[in-house]
């Protein structure tokens, strides 16, 4: 999401960072268990696709814009 300066408060940013850290730790642990040599090229292709698709921005409101959630899209594709 692209927002103007001062849109989020410091406590809100810290809370979102903590949630994000927990949200990244679980998939990393799961990927370590499930990703093998056969799946690695597919993961690279999905990452490239998600990167390209996230270039599309759309207005959300109040001077902000958003883009597709790449992590959710990658999870659905794999």
Protein backbone atom coordinates (compact mmCIF):
# COMPACT_ATOMS: atom_id res chain seq x y z
CA UNK A 1 0.00 0.00 0.00
CA UNK A 2 1.30 3.44 -0.82
CA UNK A 3 0.27 6.05 1.73
CA UNK A 4 1.21 9.67 2.44
CA UNK A 5 3.64 10.55 5.23
CA UNK A 6 2.12 10.48 8.71
CA UNK A 7 -0.82 8.29 7.68
CA UNK A 8 0.11 5.54 10.16
CA UNK A 9 1.11 6.15 13.77
CA UNK A 10 4.26 4.66 15.32
CA UNK A 11 2.34 2.19 17.55
CA UNK A 12 0.32 1.02 14.55
CA UNK A 13 3.50 0.53 12.53
CA UNK A 14 5.16 -1.43 15.34
CA UNK A 15 2.12 -3.67 15.75
CA UNK A 16 1.95 -4.30 12.00
CA UNK A 17 5.68 -5.11 11.99
CA UNK A 18 5.23 -7.67 14.76
CA UNK A 19 2.34 -9.31 12.92
CA UNK A 20 4.38 -9.33 9.70
CA UNK A 21 7.37 -10.95 11.43
CA UNK A 22 5.14 -13.74 12.70
CA UNK A 23 3.50 -14.02 9.32
CA UNK A 24 6.87 -14.50 7.62
CA UNK A 25 8.35 -16.95 10.14
CA UNK A 26 5.72 -19.66 9.65
CA UNK A 27 5.92 -19.86 5.80
CA UNK A 28 9.72 -19.85 5.94
CA UNK A 29 9.69 -22.83 8.28
CA UNK A 30 7.14 -24.60 6.09
CA UNK A 31 9.11 -23.85 2.89
CA UNK A 32 12.26 -25.33 4.42
CA UNK A 33 10.38 -28.59 4.99
CA UNK A 34 8.53 -28.78 1.66
CA UNK A 35 10.80 -27.16 -0.94
CA UNK A 36 13.05 -29.60 -2.76
CA UNK A 37 15.12 -29.45 -5.96
CA UNK A 38 12.06 -30.13 -8.08
CA UNK A 39 9.99 -27.31 -6.60
CA UNK A 40 12.72 -24.63 -6.53
CA UNK A 41 12.32 -23.58 -10.21
CA UNK A 42 8.55 -23.30 -9.75
CA UNK A 43 9.07 -21.07 -6.72
CA UNK A 44 11.34 -18.83 -8.81
CA UNK A 45 8.76 -18.58 -11.60
CA UNK A 46 6.00 -17.74 -9.12
CA UNK A 47 8.20 -15.06 -7.53
CA UNK A 48 8.89 -13.48 -10.94
CA UNK A 49 5.19 -13.56 -11.84
CA UNK A 50 4.15 -12.01 -8.52
CA UNK A 51 6.78 -9.28 -8.91
CA UNK A 52 5.43 -8.37 -12.35
CA UNK A 53 1.76 -8.45 -11.31
CA UNK A 54 2.38 -6.23 -8.28
CA UNK A 55 3.30 -3.37 -10.62
CA UNK A 56 -0.42 -2.78 -11.17
CA UNK A 57 -1.64 -0.17 -8.66
CA UNK A 58 -5.24 0.81 -8.01
CA UNK A 59 -6.70 3.65 -5.91
CA UNK A 60 -7.99 2.73 -2.46
CA UNK A 61 -9.10 6.11 -1.14
CA UNK A 62 -7.92 9.07 0.96
CA UNK A 63 -4.87 9.59 -1.24
CA UNK A 64 -3.67 5.99 -1.02
CA UNK A 65 -3.21 3.25 -3.56
CA UNK A 66 -2.71 -0.48 -3.31
CA UNK A 67 -1.58 -3.45 -5.32
CA UNK A 68 -2.13 -7.19 -5.32
CA UNK A 69 -0.95 -9.12 -2.29
CA UNK A 70 1.93 -11.11 -3.71
CA UNK A 71 2.34 -13.46 -0.77
CA UNK A 72 -1.29 -14.54 -0.90
CA UNK A 73 -1.13 -14.93 -4.68
CA UNK A 74 2.04 -17.02 -4.43
CA UNK A 75 0.48 -19.25 -1.76
CA UNK A 76 -2.55 -19.85 -3.96
CA UNK A 77 -0.41 -20.65 -7.01
CA UNK A 78 1.88 -23.10 -5.19
